[in-house]
Amino acid sequence: MGFGDFDFLCERAPVPLCSLIGPYTTSEDTGIVLNGVVPSCYARSIDVANTVIFQTGTAFINIAALGMAAMMVFNIRSKYTAVGRKELLSFFYIYAVLTVISLCVDCGVVPPASRPYPYFVSVQNGLTSATCWCLMVNGFVGFQLYEDGTRLSLWILRLISAGAFVLSFVISILTFQSWGGLSPEDTTALFVVLYIVNAVVLIIYVVSQILLVVGTLEDLWPLGDIAFGVFFFVVGQILLYVFSNRICEGVKHYLDGLFFATLCNLFGIMMIYKYWDSITKEDLEFSVGAKPAAPESSPWDVKEYYDEDRRPYVNDGSEYTGSFYAINRNSSMYHL
């Protein structure tokens, strides 16, 4: 196994790109030239209305991830004055699109042997890189290098994310289609872009947020959110690339490592939102219509009267004596 070789990974993990790389082989039955690295064990498929569905468990996790992403987007949009609100929304939008594409690729909506399949996998790889780079740029927003929510901030985020997407997509499709000097047997560039660069980008984000919390915040509890996010992501990668075959064999091919990796990635995304929510404060003046009560006071407290509020009571024999009208009239006489 050499550097940039996917054989070691693909034999242990049912990753969609594995069916598009590797040496070419000729089928003895059909004589068709095939390529791809098949994992030793993968989740069984089911047949529903003459439609084969792959990775059923992973499909449910992806659907749940879309629901959770919608809830987090709603909560972020409701915090109108929070720092980095628009930038984080862009991250969750990209993550939602990535989840939809992964749902189509993992579950066989786009069949592996079809012509569009390499393009869908390339889009999936591109969105994966765009998500990582978008997260890293979000990490710099808290340092106030430039004002958040402005055109400058948003366009920096968009251009960097789009550049990461294009780079990963182009390298993926050139590798899958044997274009531009690349081939399914030469996967070094694809490995570097998908695994090495993205890993470095995520490390930069984690380190920057640790520095931000330690250097600028008095409360260190957000470090717990960062720790949990890293924990879930690392555990998901280990379950996918190390223990997938054992999991698959242990549960009789009903699930594999991709299911648990997708679930752990969802937990990691939720920790990113939780971390951002814990370090941002909203200006209540712009989000709440009513003025907050004074400290250590209650709307039920009895307030003391001022001198000008002490109204005299005069019984002048009028039929209105004791009424609110008489009190106001006598008060006017008093001030005269």
C-alpha atoms as a PDB file:
ATOM      1  CA  MET A   1       0.000   0.000   0.000  1.00  0.00           C
ATOM      2  CA  GLY A   2       1.478   3.319  -1.106  1.00  0.00           C
ATOM      3  CA  PHE A   3       0.676   6.905  -0.225  1.00  0.00           C
ATOM      4  CA  GLY A   4      -2.610   7.985  -1.766  1.00  0.00           C
ATOM      5  CA  ASP A   5      -3.824   4.428  -2.288  1.00  0.00           C
ATOM      6  CA  PHE A   6      -7.477   3.857  -1.340  1.00  0.00           C
ATOM      7  CA  ASP A   7      -7.288   0.052  -1.258  1.00  0.00           C
ATOM      8  CA  PHE A   8      -6.675  -0.077   2.486  1.00  0.00           C
ATOM      9  CA  LEU A   9      -9.596   2.236   3.212  1.00  0.00           C
ATOM     10  CA  CYS A  10     -12.049   0.874   0.672  1.00  0.00           C
ATOM     11  CA  GLU A  11     -11.590  -2.729   1.776  1.00  0.00           C
ATOM     12  CA  ARG A  12     -12.822  -1.695   5.214  1.00  0.00           C
ATOM     13  CA  ALA A  13     -15.374   1.038   4.507  1.00  0.00           C
ATOM     14  CA  PRO A  14     -18.318   1.249   2.068  1.00  0.00           C
ATOM     15  CA  VAL A  15     -17.426   4.693   0.742  1.00  0.00           C
ATOM     16  CA  PRO A  16     -19.199   5.663  -2.533  1.00  0.00           C
ATOM     17  CA  LEU A  17     -16.013   6.642  -4.383  1.00  0.00           C
ATOM     18  CA  CYS A  18     -14.534   3.168  -3.854  1.00  0.00           C
ATOM     19  CA  SER A  19     -16.581   1.760  -6.724  1.00  0.00           C
ATOM     20  CA  LEU A  20     -14.960   4.251  -9.116  1.00  0.00           C
ATOM     21  CA  ILE A  21     -11.273   3.762  -8.349  1.00  0.00           C
ATOM     22  CA  GLY A  22      -8.778   0.928  -8.339  1.00  0.00           C
ATOM     23  CA  PRO A  23      -7.335  -1.349 -11.025  1.00  0.00           C
ATOM     24  CA  TYR A  24      -9.407  -2.488 -13.981  1.00  0.00           C
ATOM     25  CA  THR A  25     -10.583  -6.092 -13.993  1.00  0.00           C
ATOM     26  CA  THR A  26     -12.490  -8.137 -16.569  1.00  0.00           C
ATOM     27  CA  SER A  27     -15.551 -10.084 -15.499  1.00  0.00           C
ATOM     28  CA  GLU A  28     -15.290 -13.764 -16.392  1.00  0.00           C
ATOM     29  CA  ASP A  29     -19.057 -14.059 -16.914  1.00  0.00           C
ATOM     30  CA  THR A  30     -19.790 -10.991 -19.010  1.00  0.00           C
ATOM     31  CA  GLY A  31     -16.371  -9.919 -20.231  1.00  0.00           C
ATOM     32  CA  ILE A  32     -17.107  -6.333 -19.155  1.00  0.00           C
ATOM     33  CA  VAL A  33     -14.169  -4.319 -17.876  1.00  0.00           C
ATOM     34  CA  LEU A  34     -14.849  -3.214 -14.313  1.00  0.00           C
ATOM     35  CA  ASN A  35     -12.994  -1.213 -11.712  1.00  0.00           C
ATOM     36  CA  GLY A  36     -13.578  -0.509  -8.063  1.00  0.00           C
ATOM     37  CA  VAL A  37     -12.621  -1.760  -4.625  1.00  0.00           C
ATOM     38  CA  VAL A  38     -15.429  -3.666  -2.912  1.00  0.00           C
ATOM     39  CA  PRO A  39     -15.469  -3.712   0.910  1.00  0.00           C
ATOM     40  CA  SER A  40     -15.284  -7.043   2.676  1.00  0.00           C
ATOM     41  CA  CYS A  41     -18.660  -6.471   4.346  1.00  0.00           C
ATOM     42  CA  TYR A  42     -21.405  -3.938   3.755  1.00  0.00           C
ATOM     43  CA  ALA A  43     -25.014  -3.424   4.802  1.00  0.00           C
ATOM     44  CA  ARG A  44     -27.574  -5.450   2.939  1.00  0.00           C
ATOM     45  CA  SER A  45     -30.009  -3.791   0.560  1.00  0.00           C
ATOM     46  CA  ILE A  46     -33.800  -4.066   0.603  1.00  0.00           C
ATOM     47  CA  ASP A  47     -36.319  -4.296  -2.230  1.00  0.00           C
ATOM     48  CA  VAL A  48     -39.299  -1.935  -1.966  1.00  0.00           C
ATOM     49  CA  ALA A  49     -41.774  -1.836  -4.864  1.00  0.00           C
ATOM     50  CA  ASN A  50     -39.208  -3.243  -7.290  1.00  0.00           C
ATOM     51  CA  THR A  51     -36.711  -0.616  -6.143  1.00  0.00           C
ATOM     52  CA  VAL A  52     -33.452  -1.623  -4.505  1.00  0.00           C
ATOM     53  CA  ILE A  53     -32.456   0.633  -1.609  1.00  0.00           C
ATOM     54  CA  PHE A  54     -28.903   0.533  -0.262  1.00  0.00           C
ATOM     55  CA  GLN A  55     -27.799   1.596   3.217  1.00  0.00           C
ATOM     56  CA  THR A  56     -31.305   1.781   4.668  1.00  0.00           C
ATOM     57  CA  GLY A  57     -30.127   2.697   8.152  1.00  0.00           C
ATOM     58  CA  THR A  58     -27.888   5.437   6.815  1.00  0.00           C
ATOM     59  CA  ALA A  59     -30.835   6.805   4.832  1.00  0.00           C
ATOM     60  CA  PHE A  60     -32.849   7.322   8.025  1.00  0.00           C
ATOM     61  CA  ILE A  61     -29.909   9.109   9.647  1.00  0.00           C
ATOM     62  CA  ASN A  62     -29.578  11.423   6.633  1.00  0.00           C
ATOM     63  CA  ILE A  63     -33.285  12.221   6.753  1.00  0.00           C
ATOM     64  CA  ALA A  64     -33.012  12.950  10.472  1.00  0.00           C
ATOM     65  CA  ALA A  65     -29.971  15.136   9.751  1.00  0.00           C
ATOM     66  CA  LEU A  66     -32.036  17.226   7.342  1.00  0.00           C
ATOM     67  CA  GLY A  67     -34.661  17.735  10.036  1.00  0.00           C
ATOM     68  CA  MET A  68     -32.057  18.719  12.616  1.00  0.00           C
ATOM     69  CA  ALA A  69     -30.389  21.075  10.143  1.00  0.00           C
ATOM     70  CA  ALA A  70     -33.742  22.773   9.522  1.00  0.00           C
ATOM     71  CA  MET A  71     -34.264  23.246  13.265  1.00  0.00           C
ATOM     72  CA  MET A  72     -30.781  24.686  13.776  1.00  0.00           C
ATOM     73  CA  VAL A  73     -31.200  27.036  10.809  1.00  0.00           C
ATOM     74  CA  PHE A  74     -34.487  28.269  12.291  1.00  0.00           C
ATOM     75  CA  ASN A  75     -32.836  28.941  15.661  1.00  0.00           C
ATOM     76  CA  ILE A  76     -29.881  30.714  14.054  1.00  0.00           C
ATOM     77  CA  ARG A  77     -32.153  32.920  11.954  1.00  0.00           C
ATOM     78  CA  SER A  78     -34.090  33.919  15.087  1.00  0.00           C
ATOM     79  CA  LYS A  79     -30.940  35.383  16.698  1.00  0.00           C
ATOM     80  CA  TYR A  80     -30.971  38.540  14.610  1.00  0.00           C
ATOM     81  CA  THR A  81     -28.035  40.330  16.245  1.00  0.00           C
ATOM     82  CA  ALA A  82     -25.735  37.388  17.050  1.00  0.00           C
ATOM     83  CA  VAL A  83     -22.148  37.538  15.769  1.00  0.00           C
ATOM     84  CA  GLY A  84     -21.470  35.330  12.742  1.00  0.00           C
ATOM     85  CA  ARG A  85     -25.137  34.550  12.162  1.00  0.00           C
ATOM     86  CA  LYS A  86     -25.124  34.814   8.374  1.00  0.00           C
ATOM     87  CA  GLU A  87     -21.796  33.034   8.036  1.00  0.00           C
ATOM     88  CA  LEU A  88     -22.969  30.064  10.082  1.00  0.00           C
ATOM     89  CA  LEU A  89     -26.183  29.909   8.058  1.00  0.00           C
ATOM     90  CA  SER A  90     -24.070  29.446   4.930  1.00  0.00           C
ATOM     91  CA  PHE A  91     -22.310  26.514   6.591  1.00  0.00           C
ATOM     92  CA  PHE A  92     -25.577  24.781   7.435  1.00  0.00           C
ATOM     93  CA  TYR A  93     -26.961  25.377   3.944  1.00  0.00           C
ATOM     94  CA  ILE A  94     -23.939  23.632   2.426  1.00  0.00           C
ATOM     95  CA  TYR A  95     -24.255  20.819   4.960  1.00  0.00           C
ATOM     96  CA  ALA A  96     -27.929  20.348   4.052  1.00  0.00           C
ATOM     97  CA  VAL A  97     -27.130  20.100   0.332  1.00  0.00           C
ATOM     98  CA  LEU A  98     -24.323  17.637   1.102  1.00  0.00           C
ATOM     99  CA  THR A  99     -26.776  15.516   3.096  1.00  0.00           C
ATOM    100  CA  VAL A 100     -29.222  15.404   0.183  1.00  0.00           C
ATOM    101  CA  ILE A 101     -26.486  14.354  -2.261  1.00  0.00           C
ATOM    102  CA  SER A 102     -25.204  11.734   0.186  1.00  0.00           C
ATOM    103  CA  LEU A 103     -28.742  10.391   0.521  1.00  0.00           C
ATOM    104  CA  CYS A 104     -28.950   9.954  -3.259  1.00  0.00           C
ATOM    105  CA  VAL A 105     -25.505   8.378  -3.582  1.00  0.00           C
ATOM    106  CA  ASP A 106     -25.474   6.129  -0.522  1.00  0.00           C
ATOM    107  CA  CYS A 107     -28.980   4.737  -0.980  1.00  0.00           C
ATOM    108  CA  GLY A 108     -28.737   3.967  -4.681  1.00  0.00           C
ATOM    109  CA  VAL A 109     -31.052   6.680  -5.967  1.00  0.00           C
ATOM    110  CA  VAL A 110     -28.251   7.155  -8.473  1.00  0.00           C
ATOM    111  CA  PRO A 111     -27.146   3.571  -9.293  1.00  0.00           C
ATOM    112  CA  PRO A 112     -23.398   2.894  -9.017  1.00  0.00           C
ATOM    113  CA  ALA A 113     -23.165   1.581 -12.596  1.00  0.00           C
ATOM    114  CA  SER A 114     -24.983   4.520 -14.162  1.00  0.00           C
ATOM    115  CA  ARG A 115     -23.320   7.284 -16.136  1.00  0.00           C
ATOM    116  CA  PRO A 116     -24.352  10.109 -13.761  1.00  0.00           C
ATOM    117  CA  TYR A 117     -22.877   8.283 -10.768  1.00  0.00           C
ATOM    118  CA  PRO A 118     -19.277   9.607 -11.127  1.00  0.00           C
ATOM    119  CA  TYR A 119     -20.606  13.156 -11.346  1.00  0.00           C
ATOM    120  CA  PHE A 120     -22.767  12.759  -8.229  1.00  0.00           C
ATOM    121  CA  VAL A 121     -19.843  11.323  -6.280  1.00  0.00           C
ATOM    122  CA  SER A 122     -17.682  14.205  -7.511  1.00  0.00           C
ATOM    123  CA  VAL A 123     -20.316  16.678  -6.311  1.00  0.00           C
ATOM    124  CA  GLN A 124     -20.385  14.877  -2.961  1.00  0.00           C
ATOM    125  CA  ASN A 125     -16.602  15.185  -2.678  1.00  0.00           C
ATOM    126  CA  GLY A 126     -16.763  18.842  -3.651  1.00  0.00           C
ATOM    127  CA  LEU A 127     -19.426  19.630  -1.072  1.00  0.00           C
ATOM    128  CA  THR A 128     -17.419  17.799   1.587  1.00  0.00           C
ATOM    129  CA  SER A 129     -14.442  20.067   0.942  1.00  0.00           C
ATOM    130  CA  ALA A 130     -16.670  23.152   0.756  1.00  0.00           C
ATOM    131  CA  THR A 131     -18.208  22.291   4.129  1.00  0.00           C
ATOM    132  CA  CYS A 132     -14.796  21.941   5.779  1.00  0.00           C
ATOM    133  CA  TRP A 133     -13.452  25.187   4.330  1.00  0.00           C
ATOM    134  CA  CYS A 134     -16.660  27.072   5.165  1.00  0.00           C
ATOM    135  CA  LEU A 135     -16.351  25.902   8.764  1.00  0.00           C
ATOM    136  CA  MET A 136     -12.751  27.086   8.950  1.00  0.00           C
ATOM    137  CA  VAL A 137     -13.677  30.560   7.671  1.00  0.00           C
ATOM    138  CA  ASN A 138     -16.473  30.688  10.248  1.00  0.00           C
ATOM    139  CA  GLY A 139     -13.825  30.105  12.880  1.00  0.00           C
ATOM    140  CA  PHE A 140     -12.076  33.371  11.967  1.00  0.00           C
ATOM    141  CA  VAL A 141     -15.260  35.458  12.260  1.00  0.00           C
ATOM    142  CA  GLY A 142     -15.014  35.518  16.045  1.00  0.00           C
ATOM    143  CA  PHE A 143     -11.631  37.264  15.918  1.00  0.00           C
ATOM    144  CA  GLN A 144     -13.301  40.295  14.293  1.00  0.00           C
ATOM    145  CA  LEU A 145     -10.675  40.579  11.563  1.00  0.00           C
ATOM    146  CA  TYR A 146     -13.490  42.108   9.544  1.00  0.00           C
ATOM    147  CA  GLU A 147     -17.065  42.940  10.405  1.00  0.00           C
ATOM    148  CA  ASP A 148     -19.336  39.934  10.272  1.00  0.00           C
ATOM    149  CA  GLY A 149     -22.503  39.882   8.186  1.00  0.00           C
ATOM    150  CA  THR A 150     -21.171  42.388   5.659  1.00  0.00           C
ATOM    151  CA  ARG A 151     -20.731  41.810   1.936  1.00  0.00           C
ATOM    152  CA  LEU A 152     -16.993  41.491   2.422  1.00  0.00           C
ATOM    153  CA  SER A 153     -17.371  38.774   5.039  1.00  0.00           C
ATOM    154  CA  LEU A 154     -19.987  36.825   3.102  1.00  0.00           C
ATOM    155  CA  TRP A 155     -18.162  37.014  -0.224  1.00  0.00           C
ATOM    156  CA  ILE A 156     -14.896  35.865   1.345  1.00  0.00           C
ATOM    157  CA  LEU A 157     -16.795  32.891   2.733  1.00  0.00           C
ATOM    158  CA  ARG A 158     -18.557  32.157  -0.561  1.00  0.00           C
ATOM    159  CA  LEU A 159     -15.472  32.446  -2.736  1.00  0.00           C
ATOM    160  CA  ILE A 160     -13.337  30.225  -0.504  1.00  0.00           C
ATOM    161  CA  SER A 161     -16.090  27.609  -0.234  1.00  0.00           C
ATOM    162  CA  ALA A 162     -16.718  27.709  -3.985  1.00  0.00           C
ATOM    163  CA  GLY A 163     -12.995  27.383  -4.692  1.00  0.00           C
ATOM    164  CA  ALA A 164     -12.764  24.322  -2.432  1.00  0.00           C
ATOM    165  CA  PHE A 165     -15.790  22.790  -4.150  1.00  0.00           C
ATOM    166  CA  VAL A 166     -14.426  23.353  -7.656  1.00  0.00           C
ATOM    167  CA  LEU A 167     -10.975  21.995  -6.806  1.00  0.00           C
ATOM    168  CA  SER A 168     -12.316  18.823  -5.214  1.00  0.00           C
ATOM    169  CA  PHE A 169     -14.942  18.286  -7.925  1.00  0.00           C
ATOM    170  CA  VAL A 170     -12.491  18.712 -10.795  1.00  0.00           C
ATOM    171  CA  ILE A 171      -9.879  16.387  -9.305  1.00  0.00           C
ATOM    172  CA  SER A 172     -12.562  13.800  -8.538  1.00  0.00           C
ATOM    173  CA  ILE A 173     -14.123  13.756 -12.000  1.00  0.00           C
ATOM    174  CA  LEU A 174     -10.731  13.777 -13.737  1.00  0.00           C
ATOM    175  CA  THR A 175      -9.707  10.787 -11.626  1.00  0.00           C
ATOM    176  CA  PHE A 176     -12.930   8.848 -12.193  1.00  0.00           C
ATOM    177  CA  GLN A 177     -13.024   9.481 -15.945  1.00  0.00           C
ATOM    178  CA  SER A 178      -9.263   9.114 -16.622  1.00  0.00           C
ATOM    179  CA  TRP A 179      -8.984  12.670 -17.909  1.00  0.00           C
ATOM    180  CA  GLY A 180      -6.120  15.139 -17.678  1.00  0.00           C
ATOM    181  CA  GLY A 181      -3.444  12.579 -16.899  1.00  0.00           C
ATOM    182  CA  LEU A 182      -5.298  11.206 -13.883  1.00  0.00           C
ATOM    183  CA  SER A 183      -6.848   7.761 -13.623  1.00  0.00           C
ATOM    184  CA  PRO A 184      -8.656   5.500 -11.134  1.00  0.00           C
ATOM    185  CA  GLU A 185      -5.291   3.848 -10.458  1.00  0.00           C
ATOM    186  CA  ASP A 186      -3.545   7.156  -9.702  1.00  0.00           C
ATOM    187  CA  THR A 187      -5.483   8.547  -6.739  1.00  0.00           C
ATOM    188  CA  THR A 188      -2.782  10.506  -4.927  1.00  0.00           C
ATOM    189  CA  ALA A 189      -4.224  13.916  -5.812  1.00  0.00           C
ATOM    190  CA  LEU A 190      -7.719  12.800  -4.799  1.00  0.00           C
ATOM    191  CA  PHE A 191      -6.445  11.429  -1.496  1.00  0.00           C
ATOM    192  CA  VAL A 192      -4.552  14.629  -0.686  1.00  0.00           C
ATOM    193  CA  VAL A 193      -7.526  16.890  -1.443  1.00  0.00           C
ATOM    194  CA  LEU A 194     -10.159  14.815   0.352  1.00  0.00           C
ATOM    195  CA  TYR A 195      -8.263  13.568   3.378  1.00  0.00           C
ATOM    196  CA  ILE A 196      -5.034  15.512   3.995  1.00  0.00           C
ATOM    197  CA  VAL A 197      -6.186  19.041   3.146  1.00  0.00           C
ATOM    198  CA  ASN A 198      -9.608  18.687   4.748  1.00  0.00           C
ATOM    199  CA  ALA A 199      -8.050  17.239   7.913  1.00  0.00           C
ATOM    200  CA  VAL A 200      -5.651  20.199   8.154  1.00  0.00           C
ATOM    201  CA  VAL A 201      -8.536  22.622   7.641  1.00  0.00           C
ATOM    202  CA  LEU A 202     -10.561  21.046  10.451  1.00  0.00           C
ATOM    203  CA  ILE A 203      -7.538  21.118  12.774  1.00  0.00           C
ATOM    204  CA  ILE A 204      -7.088  24.830  12.050  1.00  0.00           C
ATOM    205  CA  TYR A 205     -10.721  25.441  12.982  1.00  0.00           C
ATOM    206  CA  VAL A 206     -10.444  23.550  16.270  1.00  0.00           C
ATOM    207  CA  VAL A 207      -7.200  25.277  17.275  1.00  0.00           C
ATOM    208  CA  SER A 208      -8.557  28.718  16.374  1.00  0.00           C
ATOM    209  CA  GLN A 209     -11.670  28.186  18.498  1.00  0.00           C
ATOM    210  CA  ILE A 210      -9.631  27.018  21.469  1.00  0.00           C
ATOM    211  CA  LEU A 211      -7.512  30.159  21.208  1.00  0.00           C
ATOM    212  CA  LEU A 212     -10.650  32.275  20.877  1.00  0.00           C
ATOM    213  CA  VAL A 213     -12.269  30.838  24.002  1.00  0.00           C
ATOM    214  CA  VAL A 214      -9.126  30.891  26.148  1.00  0.00           C
ATOM    215  CA  GLY A 215      -7.977  34.325  25.000  1.00  0.00           C
ATOM    216  CA  THR A 216     -11.195  36.335  24.836  1.00  0.00           C
ATOM    217  CA  LEU A 217     -13.913  34.645  26.904  1.00  0.00           C
ATOM    218  CA  GLU A 218     -14.162  34.471  30.665  1.00  0.00           C
ATOM    219  CA  ASP A 219     -16.315  31.346  30.529  1.00  0.00           C
ATOM    220  CA  LEU A 220     -14.428  28.194  29.499  1.00  0.00           C
ATOM    221  CA  TRP A 221     -17.482  25.958  29.255  1.00  0.00           C
ATOM    222  CA  PRO A 222     -17.586  26.250  25.412  1.00  0.00           C
ATOM    223  CA  LEU A 223     -14.395  24.162  25.375  1.00  0.00           C
ATOM    224  CA  GLY A 224     -16.610  21.250  26.354  1.00  0.00           C
ATOM    225  CA  ASP A 225     -18.663  21.687  23.178  1.00  0.00           C
ATOM    226  CA  ILE A 226     -15.473  21.702  21.119  1.00  0.00           C
ATOM    227  CA  ALA A 227     -14.218  18.577  22.879  1.00  0.00           C
ATOM    228  CA  PHE A 228     -17.485  16.719  22.279  1.00  0.00           C
ATOM    229  CA  GLY A 229     -17.510  17.759  18.617  1.00  0.00           C
ATOM    230  CA  VAL A 230     -13.970  16.471  18.084  1.00  0.00           C
ATOM    231  CA  PHE A 231     -14.808  13.291  19.988  1.00  0.00           C
ATOM    232  CA  PHE A 232     -17.836  12.464  17.849  1.00  0.00           C
ATOM    233  CA  PHE A 233     -15.999  13.184  14.588  1.00  0.00           C
ATOM    234  CA  VAL A 234     -12.946  11.096  15.473  1.00  0.00           C
ATOM    235  CA  VAL A 235     -15.056   8.206  16.773  1.00  0.00           C
ATOM    236  CA  GLY A 236     -17.106   8.260  13.575  1.00  0.00           C
ATOM    237  CA  GLN A 237     -13.999   8.027  11.390  1.00  0.00           C
ATOM    238  CA  ILE A 238     -12.605   5.176  13.473  1.00  0.00           C
ATOM    239  CA  LEU A 239     -15.874   3.249  13.301  1.00  0.00           C
ATOM    240  CA  LEU A 240     -15.971   3.735   9.539  1.00  0.00           C
ATOM    241  CA  TYR A 241     -12.397   2.965   8.528  1.00  0.00           C
ATOM    242  CA  VAL A 242     -11.323   0.556  11.272  1.00  0.00           C
ATOM    243  CA  PHE A 243     -14.305  -1.314  12.707  1.00  0.00           C
ATOM    244  CA  SER A 244     -16.803  -1.262   9.837  1.00  0.00           C
ATOM    245  CA  ASN A 245     -16.283  -4.911   8.882  1.00  0.00           C
ATOM    246  CA  ARG A 246     -16.565  -6.081  12.487  1.00  0.00           C
ATOM    247  CA  ILE A 247     -19.745  -4.094  12.990  1.00  0.00           C
ATOM    248  CA  CYS A 248     -21.213  -5.404   9.745  1.00  0.00           C
ATOM    249  CA  GLU A 249     -20.486  -9.022  10.608  1.00  0.00           C
ATOM    250  CA  GLY A 250     -21.657  -8.581  14.198  1.00  0.00           C
ATOM    251  CA  VAL A 251     -25.109  -7.294  13.225  1.00  0.00           C
ATOM    252  CA  LYS A 252     -25.601  -9.746  10.345  1.00  0.00           C
ATOM    253  CA  HIS A 253     -25.143  -7.185   7.543  1.00  0.00           C
ATOM    254  CA  TYR A 254     -28.005  -4.986   8.708  1.00  0.00           C
ATOM    255  CA  LEU A 255     -25.678  -2.049   9.439  1.00  0.00           C
ATOM    256  CA  ASP A 256     -22.060  -1.122   8.856  1.00  0.00           C
ATOM    257  CA  GLY A 257     -19.607   1.580   9.808  1.00  0.00           C
ATOM    258  CA  LEU A 258     -21.157   4.128   7.431  1.00  0.00           C
ATOM    259  CA  PHE A 259     -24.303   4.225   9.561  1.00  0.00           C
ATOM    260  CA  PHE A 260     -22.410   5.058  12.759  1.00  0.00           C
ATOM    261  CA  ALA A 261     -20.074   7.480  10.970  1.00  0.00           C
ATOM    262  CA  THR A 262     -23.061   9.407   9.595  1.00  0.00           C
ATOM    263  CA  LEU A 263     -24.651   9.450  13.049  1.00  0.00           C
ATOM    264  CA  CYS A 264     -21.442  10.686  14.703  1.00  0.00           C
ATOM    265  CA  ASN A 265     -21.046  13.370  12.038  1.00  0.00           C
ATOM    266  CA  LEU A 266     -24.557  14.576  12.850  1.00  0.00           C
ATOM    267  CA  PHE A 267     -23.675  14.790  16.538  1.00  0.00           C
ATOM    268  CA  GLY A 268     -20.531  16.721  15.631  1.00  0.00           C
ATOM    269  CA  ILE A 269     -22.552  19.195  13.561  1.00  0.00           C
ATOM    270  CA  MET A 270     -24.935  19.656  16.476  1.00  0.00           C
ATOM    271  CA  MET A 271     -21.954  20.423  18.739  1.00  0.00           C
ATOM    272  CA  ILE A 272     -20.829  23.113  16.297  1.00  0.00           C
ATOM    273  CA  TYR A 273     -24.208  24.794  16.651  1.00  0.00           C
ATOM    274  CA  LYS A 274     -24.172  24.335  20.427  1.00  0.00           C
ATOM    275  CA  TYR A 275     -20.704  25.883  20.636  1.00  0.00           C
ATOM    276  CA  TRP A 276     -21.708  28.892  18.533  1.00  0.00           C
ATOM    277  CA  ASP A 277     -24.885  29.372  20.566  1.00  0.00           C
ATOM    278  CA  SER A 278     -22.898  29.309  23.815  1.00  0.00           C
ATOM    279  CA  ILE A 279     -20.411  32.004  22.785  1.00  0.00           C
ATOM    280  CA  THR A 280     -22.825  34.441  21.129  1.00  0.00           C
ATOM    281  CA  LYS A 281     -25.078  36.857  22.916  1.00  0.00           C
ATOM    282  CA  GLU A 282     -28.087  38.572  21.414  1.00  0.00           C
ATOM    283  CA  ASP A 283     -28.978  42.225  21.949  1.00  0.00           C
ATOM    284  CA  LEU A 284     -32.433  41.980  23.538  1.00  0.00           C
ATOM    285  CA  GLU A 285     -33.205  45.569  22.620  1.00  0.00           C
ATOM    286  CA  PHE A 286     -33.686  44.472  19.007  1.00  0.00           C
ATOM    287  CA  SER A 287     -35.298  41.099  19.619  1.00  0.00           C
ATOM    288  CA  VAL A 288     -37.785  41.736  22.443  1.00  0.00           C
ATOM    289  CA  GLY A 289     -40.490  44.371  22.181  1.00  0.00           C
ATOM    290  CA  ALA A 290     -41.054  44.861  25.893  1.00  0.00           C
ATOM    291  CA  LYS A 291     -38.565  46.667  28.071  1.00  0.00           C
ATOM    292  CA  PRO A 292     -37.036  44.330  30.670  1.00  0.00           C
ATOM    293  CA  ALA A 293     -37.883  44.913  34.328  1.00  0.00           C
ATOM    294  CA  ALA A 294     -35.411  46.649  36.575  1.00  0.00           C
ATOM    295  CA  PRO A 295     -33.032  44.447  38.558  1.00  0.00           C
ATOM    296  CA  GLU A 296     -34.344  43.047  41.834  1.00  0.00           C
ATOM    297  CA  SER A 297     -37.863  44.280  41.097  1.00  0.00           C
ATOM    298  CA  SER A 298     -41.154  42.626  40.403  1.00  0.00           C
ATOM    299  CA  PRO A 299     -44.189  43.898  38.513  1.00  0.00           C
ATOM    300  CA  TRP A 300     -46.167  43.025  41.615  1.00  0.00           C
ATOM    301  CA  ASP A 301     -44.140  45.288  43.937  1.00  0.00           C
ATOM    302  CA  VAL A 302     -45.962  48.275  45.489  1.00  0.00           C
ATOM    303  CA  LYS A 303     -44.185  51.475  44.511  1.00  0.00           C
ATOM    304  CA  GLU A 304     -43.770  54.382  46.941  1.00  0.00           C
ATOM    305  CA  TYR A 305     -45.645  57.601  46.270  1.00  0.00           C
ATOM    306  CA  TYR A 306     -43.832  60.798  45.388  1.00  0.00           C
ATOM    307  CA  ASP A 307     -44.921  64.115  46.858  1.00  0.00           C
ATOM    308  CA  GLU A 308     -46.739  65.155  43.718  1.00  0.00           C
ATOM    309  CA  ASP A 309     -48.704  61.912  43.790  1.00  0.00           C
ATOM    310  CA  ARG A 310     -50.119  62.523  47.274  1.00  0.00           C
ATOM    311  CA  ARG A 311     -53.649  63.707  46.492  1.00  0.00           C
ATOM    312  CA  PRO A 312     -55.711  65.387  49.288  1.00  0.00           C
ATOM    313  CA  TYR A 313     -59.189  64.151  50.073  1.00  0.00           C
ATOM    314  CA  VAL A 314     -61.738  66.935  50.541  1.00  0.00           C
ATOM    315  CA  ASN A 315     -65.380  66.283  51.436  1.00  0.00           C
ATOM    316  CA  ASP A 316     -67.229  69.255  49.951  1.00  0.00           C
ATOM    317  CA  GLY A 317     -70.648  67.629  50.050  1.00  0.00           C
ATOM    318  CA  SER A 318     -70.675  66.862  46.375  1.00  0.00           C
ATOM    319  CA  GLU A 319     -72.379  63.771  45.059  1.00  0.00           C
ATOM    320  CA  TYR A 320     -69.059  62.860  43.427  1.00  0.00           C
ATOM    321  CA  THR A 321     -67.182  62.818  46.756  1.00  0.00           C
ATOM    322  CA  GLY A 322     -65.006  59.721  47.032  1.00  0.00           C
ATOM    323  CA  SER A 323     -65.008  59.125  43.282  1.00  0.00           C
ATOM    324  CA  PHE A 324     -62.047  59.302  40.934  1.00  0.00           C
ATOM    325  CA  TYR A 325     -63.522  62.471  39.398  1.00  0.00           C
ATOM    326  CA  ALA A 326     -63.625  64.241  42.748  1.00  0.00           C
ATOM    327  CA  ILE A 327     -60.084  63.237  43.625  1.00  0.00           C
ATOM    328  CA  ASN A 328     -58.781  64.651  40.339  1.00  0.00           C
ATOM    329  CA  ARG A 329     -60.824  67.847  40.739  1.00  0.00           C
ATOM    330  CA  ASN A 330     -59.650  68.367  44.301  1.00  0.00           C
ATOM    331  CA  SER A 331     -56.097  67.666  43.224  1.00  0.00           C
ATOM    332  CA  SER A 332     -56.353  70.411  40.603  1.00  0.00           C
ATOM    333  CA  MET A 333     -57.660  72.811  43.231  1.00  0.00           C
ATOM    334  CA  TYR A 334     -54.780  71.867  45.493  1.00  0.00           C
ATOM    335  CA  HIS A 335     -52.166  72.649  42.908  1.00  0.00           C
ATOM    336  CA  LEU A 336     -53.797  75.970  42.166  1.00  0.00           C
END
